[in-house]
Amino acid sequence: MTNISLRTGSCLCKQVSYSFPSDAVVSAHHCHCIDCRKSTGSGKATIVLISDNALKVKGKIKYFSVIGKGGNKVSRGFCEACGSPLISSVEGYEGTKFIKAGSLDDPSWVNINSNFWSDTALDWSPLDNSIDSFAQNPE
């Protein structure tokens, strides 16, 4: 029998936690869009894409939805007690959840595949030029 690692994460106050098996990971990316910058308070959001049905959440997540620059509805989930950004979903990417890599208990295994929205990257949070970059969302 194969031993599948369980990946875990939580918010800062630990009222919300989540888990998913490592084989549910699709890819990981840096997103430099303005909305991701504002939602993280940083120069980018580092996101891990996983299969939606593999995600198990404990606690209450509050969602805030906007129409992103790419025209899709983006719902960003956060802990309503401490405000930590945790999980997002994007219209057009049904079946996929976007985990904020910084909320993982151990993010050391994350391997970044590409940069999104490279057109809006800031000088003080530059693109990782060792990976592929997309001017906006990849097709």
C-alpha atoms as a PDB file:
ATOM      1  CA  MET A   1       0.000   0.000   0.000  1.00  0.00           C
ATOM      2  CA  THR A   2       1.284   3.476  -0.892  1.00  0.00           C
ATOM      3  CA  ASN A   3       1.780   5.984   1.909  1.00  0.00           C
ATOM      4  CA  ILE A   4       0.340   9.321   0.769  1.00  0.00           C
ATOM      5  CA  SER A   5       1.548  12.314   2.763  1.00  0.00           C
ATOM      6  CA  LEU A   6      -1.086  14.527   4.272  1.00  0.00           C
ATOM      7  CA  ARG A   7      -0.487  18.273   3.856  1.00  0.00           C
ATOM      8  CA  THR A   8      -1.926  20.546   6.530  1.00  0.00           C
ATOM      9  CA  GLY A   9      -2.391  24.232   7.161  1.00  0.00           C
ATOM     10  CA  SER A  10      -4.223  26.706   9.338  1.00  0.00           C
ATOM     11  CA  CYS A  11      -4.924  30.319  10.091  1.00  0.00           C
ATOM     12  CA  LEU A  12      -2.899  32.316  12.603  1.00  0.00           C
ATOM     13  CA  CYS A  13      -5.336  31.784  15.492  1.00  0.00           C
ATOM     14  CA  LYS A  14      -5.833  28.068  14.653  1.00  0.00           C
ATOM     15  CA  GLN A  15      -9.649  28.328  14.542  1.00  0.00           C
ATOM     16  CA  VAL A  16      -9.545  27.142  10.917  1.00  0.00           C
ATOM     17  CA  SER A  17      -7.425  24.249   9.715  1.00  0.00           C
ATOM     18  CA  TYR A  18      -7.335  22.201   6.549  1.00  0.00           C
ATOM     19  CA  SER A  19      -5.720  19.114   5.071  1.00  0.00           C
ATOM     20  CA  PHE A  20      -5.310  17.400   1.722  1.00  0.00           C
ATOM     21  CA  PRO A  21      -3.258  14.462   0.434  1.00  0.00           C
ATOM     22  CA  SER A  22      -0.039  15.375  -1.375  1.00  0.00           C
ATOM     23  CA  ASP A  23      -1.229  13.633  -4.538  1.00  0.00           C
ATOM     24  CA  ALA A  24      -4.052  16.227  -4.813  1.00  0.00           C
ATOM     25  CA  VAL A  25      -1.510  18.940  -5.674  1.00  0.00           C
ATOM     26  CA  VAL A  26      -1.767  20.075  -9.298  1.00  0.00           C
ATOM     27  CA  SER A  27       0.824  22.901  -9.371  1.00  0.00           C
ATOM     28  CA  ALA A  28       2.019  26.036  -7.574  1.00  0.00           C
ATOM     29  CA  HIS A  29       2.420  29.642  -8.774  1.00  0.00           C
ATOM     30  CA  HIS A  30       3.204  33.214  -7.819  1.00  0.00           C
ATOM     31  CA  CYS A  31       0.391  35.613  -8.763  1.00  0.00           C
ATOM     32  CA  HIS A  32       1.361  39.288  -9.039  1.00  0.00           C
ATOM     33  CA  CYS A  33      -2.113  40.676  -9.863  1.00  0.00           C
ATOM     34  CA  ILE A  34      -3.305  43.743  -7.979  1.00  0.00           C
ATOM     35  CA  ASP A  35      -6.125  41.846  -6.244  1.00  0.00           C
ATOM     36  CA  CYS A  36      -3.757  39.155  -4.935  1.00  0.00           C
ATOM     37  CA  ARG A  37      -1.361  41.823  -3.716  1.00  0.00           C
ATOM     38  CA  LYS A  38      -4.146  43.601  -1.843  1.00  0.00           C
ATOM     39  CA  SER A  39      -5.564  40.385  -0.385  1.00  0.00           C
ATOM     40  CA  THR A  40      -2.171  39.270   0.944  1.00  0.00           C
ATOM     41  CA  GLY A  41      -0.728  42.675   1.837  1.00  0.00           C
ATOM     42  CA  SER A  42       2.390  41.649  -0.060  1.00  0.00           C
ATOM     43  CA  GLY A  43       3.926  41.845  -3.523  1.00  0.00           C
ATOM     44  CA  LYS A  44       2.305  38.605  -4.667  1.00  0.00           C
ATOM     45  CA  ALA A  45       0.287  35.606  -3.599  1.00  0.00           C
ATOM     46  CA  THR A  46       1.939  32.207  -3.698  1.00  0.00           C
ATOM     47  CA  ILE A  47      -0.763  29.672  -4.406  1.00  0.00           C
ATOM     48  CA  VAL A  48      -0.913  25.886  -4.522  1.00  0.00           C
ATOM     49  CA  LEU A  49      -3.593  24.480  -6.797  1.00  0.00           C
ATOM     50  CA  ILE A  50      -5.244  21.317  -5.515  1.00  0.00           C
ATOM     51  CA  SER A  51      -8.155  19.112  -6.446  1.00  0.00           C
ATOM     52  CA  ASP A  52     -11.258  20.541  -4.772  1.00  0.00           C
ATOM     53  CA  ASN A  53     -12.700  17.230  -3.590  1.00  0.00           C
ATOM     54  CA  ALA A  54      -9.495  16.351  -1.688  1.00  0.00           C
ATOM     55  CA  LEU A  55      -9.686  19.361   0.639  1.00  0.00           C
ATOM     56  CA  LYS A  56     -10.941  18.869   4.210  1.00  0.00           C
ATOM     57  CA  VAL A  57     -11.616  22.023   6.242  1.00  0.00           C
ATOM     58  CA  LYS A  58     -12.330  22.375   9.976  1.00  0.00           C
ATOM     59  CA  GLY A  59     -13.705  25.673  11.229  1.00  0.00           C
ATOM     60  CA  LYS A  60     -15.550  28.509   9.568  1.00  0.00           C
ATOM     61  CA  ILE A  61     -14.143  30.283   6.525  1.00  0.00           C
ATOM     62  CA  LYS A  62     -15.616  33.593   5.404  1.00  0.00           C
ATOM     63  CA  TYR A  63     -15.461  34.455   1.695  1.00  0.00           C
ATOM     64  CA  PHE A  64     -15.125  37.763  -0.097  1.00  0.00           C
ATOM     65  CA  SER A  65     -15.804  37.701  -3.853  1.00  0.00           C
ATOM     66  CA  VAL A  66     -14.785  40.085  -6.621  1.00  0.00           C
ATOM     67  CA  ILE A  67     -14.569  40.043 -10.374  1.00  0.00           C
ATOM     68  CA  GLY A  68     -10.835  39.723 -11.015  1.00  0.00           C
ATOM     69  CA  LYS A  69      -8.871  41.576 -13.678  1.00  0.00           C
ATOM     70  CA  GLY A  70      -9.192  38.513 -15.925  1.00  0.00           C
ATOM     71  CA  GLY A  71     -13.002  38.784 -15.762  1.00  0.00           C
ATOM     72  CA  ASN A  72     -13.586  35.737 -13.547  1.00  0.00           C
ATOM     73  CA  LYS A  73     -15.304  35.754 -10.162  1.00  0.00           C
ATOM     74  CA  VAL A  74     -12.679  35.128  -7.477  1.00  0.00           C
ATOM     75  CA  SER A  75     -13.793  34.081  -3.989  1.00  0.00           C
ATOM     76  CA  ARG A  76     -11.097  34.457  -1.357  1.00  0.00           C
ATOM     77  CA  GLY A  77     -11.572  32.586   1.917  1.00  0.00           C
ATOM     78  CA  PHE A  78     -10.154  33.759   5.213  1.00  0.00           C
ATOM     79  CA  CYS A  79     -10.566  33.151   8.920  1.00  0.00           C
ATOM     80  CA  GLU A  80     -13.244  35.504  10.207  1.00  0.00           C
ATOM     81  CA  ALA A  81     -11.526  35.664  13.612  1.00  0.00           C
ATOM     82  CA  CYS A  82      -7.905  36.520  12.681  1.00  0.00           C
ATOM     83  CA  GLY A  83      -8.223  37.456   9.001  1.00  0.00           C
ATOM     84  CA  SER A  84      -5.616  35.010   7.681  1.00  0.00           C
ATOM     85  CA  PRO A  85      -6.050  34.360   3.933  1.00  0.00           C
ATOM     86  CA  LEU A  86      -6.384  30.617   3.351  1.00  0.00           C
ATOM     87  CA  ILE A  87      -8.244  29.276   0.327  1.00  0.00           C
ATOM     88  CA  SER A  88      -9.622  30.722  -2.902  1.00  0.00           C
ATOM     89  CA  SER A  89     -11.766  29.513  -5.756  1.00  0.00           C
ATOM     90  CA  VAL A  90     -11.972  30.989  -9.237  1.00  0.00           C
ATOM     91  CA  GLU A  91     -14.870  30.834 -11.675  1.00  0.00           C
ATOM     92  CA  GLY A  92     -13.770  28.818 -14.685  1.00  0.00           C
ATOM     93  CA  TYR A  93     -11.503  26.612 -12.567  1.00  0.00           C
ATOM     94  CA  GLU A  94     -14.227  24.479 -11.027  1.00  0.00           C
ATOM     95  CA  GLY A  95     -12.839  21.428  -9.260  1.00  0.00           C
ATOM     96  CA  THR A  96      -9.753  23.367  -8.138  1.00  0.00           C
ATOM     97  CA  LYS A  97      -8.977  25.223  -4.923  1.00  0.00           C
ATOM     98  CA  PHE A  98      -6.149  27.717  -4.538  1.00  0.00           C
ATOM     99  CA  ILE A  99      -4.355  27.293  -1.199  1.00  0.00           C
ATOM    100  CA  LYS A 100      -2.304  30.226   0.093  1.00  0.00           C
ATOM    101  CA  ALA A 101       1.140  28.636   0.487  1.00  0.00           C
ATOM    102  CA  GLY A 102       1.934  30.829   3.492  1.00  0.00           C
ATOM    103  CA  SER A 103      -0.896  29.172   5.435  1.00  0.00           C
ATOM    104  CA  LEU A 104       0.642  25.696   5.099  1.00  0.00           C
ATOM    105  CA  ASP A 105       2.087  24.271   8.314  1.00  0.00           C
ATOM    106  CA  ASP A 106       5.164  23.115   6.346  1.00  0.00           C
ATOM    107  CA  PRO A 107       5.476  24.803   2.941  1.00  0.00           C
ATOM    108  CA  SER A 108       9.060  23.554   2.364  1.00  0.00           C
ATOM    109  CA  TRP A 109       7.883  21.034  -0.256  1.00  0.00           C
ATOM    110  CA  VAL A 110       6.190  23.640  -2.505  1.00  0.00           C
ATOM    111  CA  ASN A 111       7.757  23.833  -5.975  1.00  0.00           C
ATOM    112  CA  ILE A 112       6.722  26.972  -7.895  1.00  0.00           C
ATOM    113  CA  ASN A 113       5.897  26.376 -11.569  1.00  0.00           C
ATOM    114  CA  SER A 114       5.278  29.886 -12.915  1.00  0.00           C
ATOM    115  CA  ASN A 115       4.439  33.548 -12.390  1.00  0.00           C
ATOM    116  CA  PHE A 116       0.980  34.908 -13.292  1.00  0.00           C
ATOM    117  CA  TRP A 117       0.252  38.559 -14.067  1.00  0.00           C
ATOM    118  CA  SER A 118       3.908  39.375 -14.680  1.00  0.00           C
ATOM    119  CA  ASP A 119       2.749  42.651 -16.296  1.00  0.00           C
ATOM    120  CA  THR A 120       1.891  44.010 -12.842  1.00  0.00           C
ATOM    121  CA  ALA A 121       4.856  42.685 -10.824  1.00  0.00           C
ATOM    122  CA  LEU A 122       6.504  45.334  -8.660  1.00  0.00           C
ATOM    123  CA  ASP A 123      10.209  46.167  -8.602  1.00  0.00           C
ATOM    124  CA  TRP A 124      10.343  45.427  -4.870  1.00  0.00           C
ATOM    125  CA  SER A 125       8.732  42.006  -5.407  1.00  0.00           C
ATOM    126  CA  PRO A 126      10.306  40.919  -8.686  1.00  0.00           C
ATOM    127  CA  LEU A 127       9.434  37.951 -10.853  1.00  0.00           C
ATOM    128  CA  ASP A 128      11.317  34.710 -10.381  1.00  0.00           C
ATOM    129  CA  ASN A 129      13.037  34.615 -13.774  1.00  0.00           C
ATOM    130  CA  SER A 130      14.018  30.957 -13.378  1.00  0.00           C
ATOM    131  CA  ILE A 131      10.400  29.902 -14.074  1.00  0.00           C
ATOM    132  CA  ASP A 132       7.865  30.639 -16.821  1.00  0.00           C
ATOM    133  CA  SER A 133       5.935  33.897 -16.674  1.00  0.00           C
ATOM    134  CA  PHE A 134       2.537  34.798 -18.077  1.00  0.00           C
ATOM    135  CA  ALA A 135       1.585  38.425 -18.713  1.00  0.00           C
ATOM    136  CA  GLN A 136      -1.851  37.722 -17.249  1.00  0.00           C
ATOM    137  CA  ASN A 137      -3.664  34.436 -16.515  1.00  0.00           C
ATOM    138  CA  PRO A 138      -2.371  31.489 -18.565  1.00  0.00           C
ATOM    139  CA  GLU A 139      -4.673  30.173 -21.252  1.00  0.00           C
END
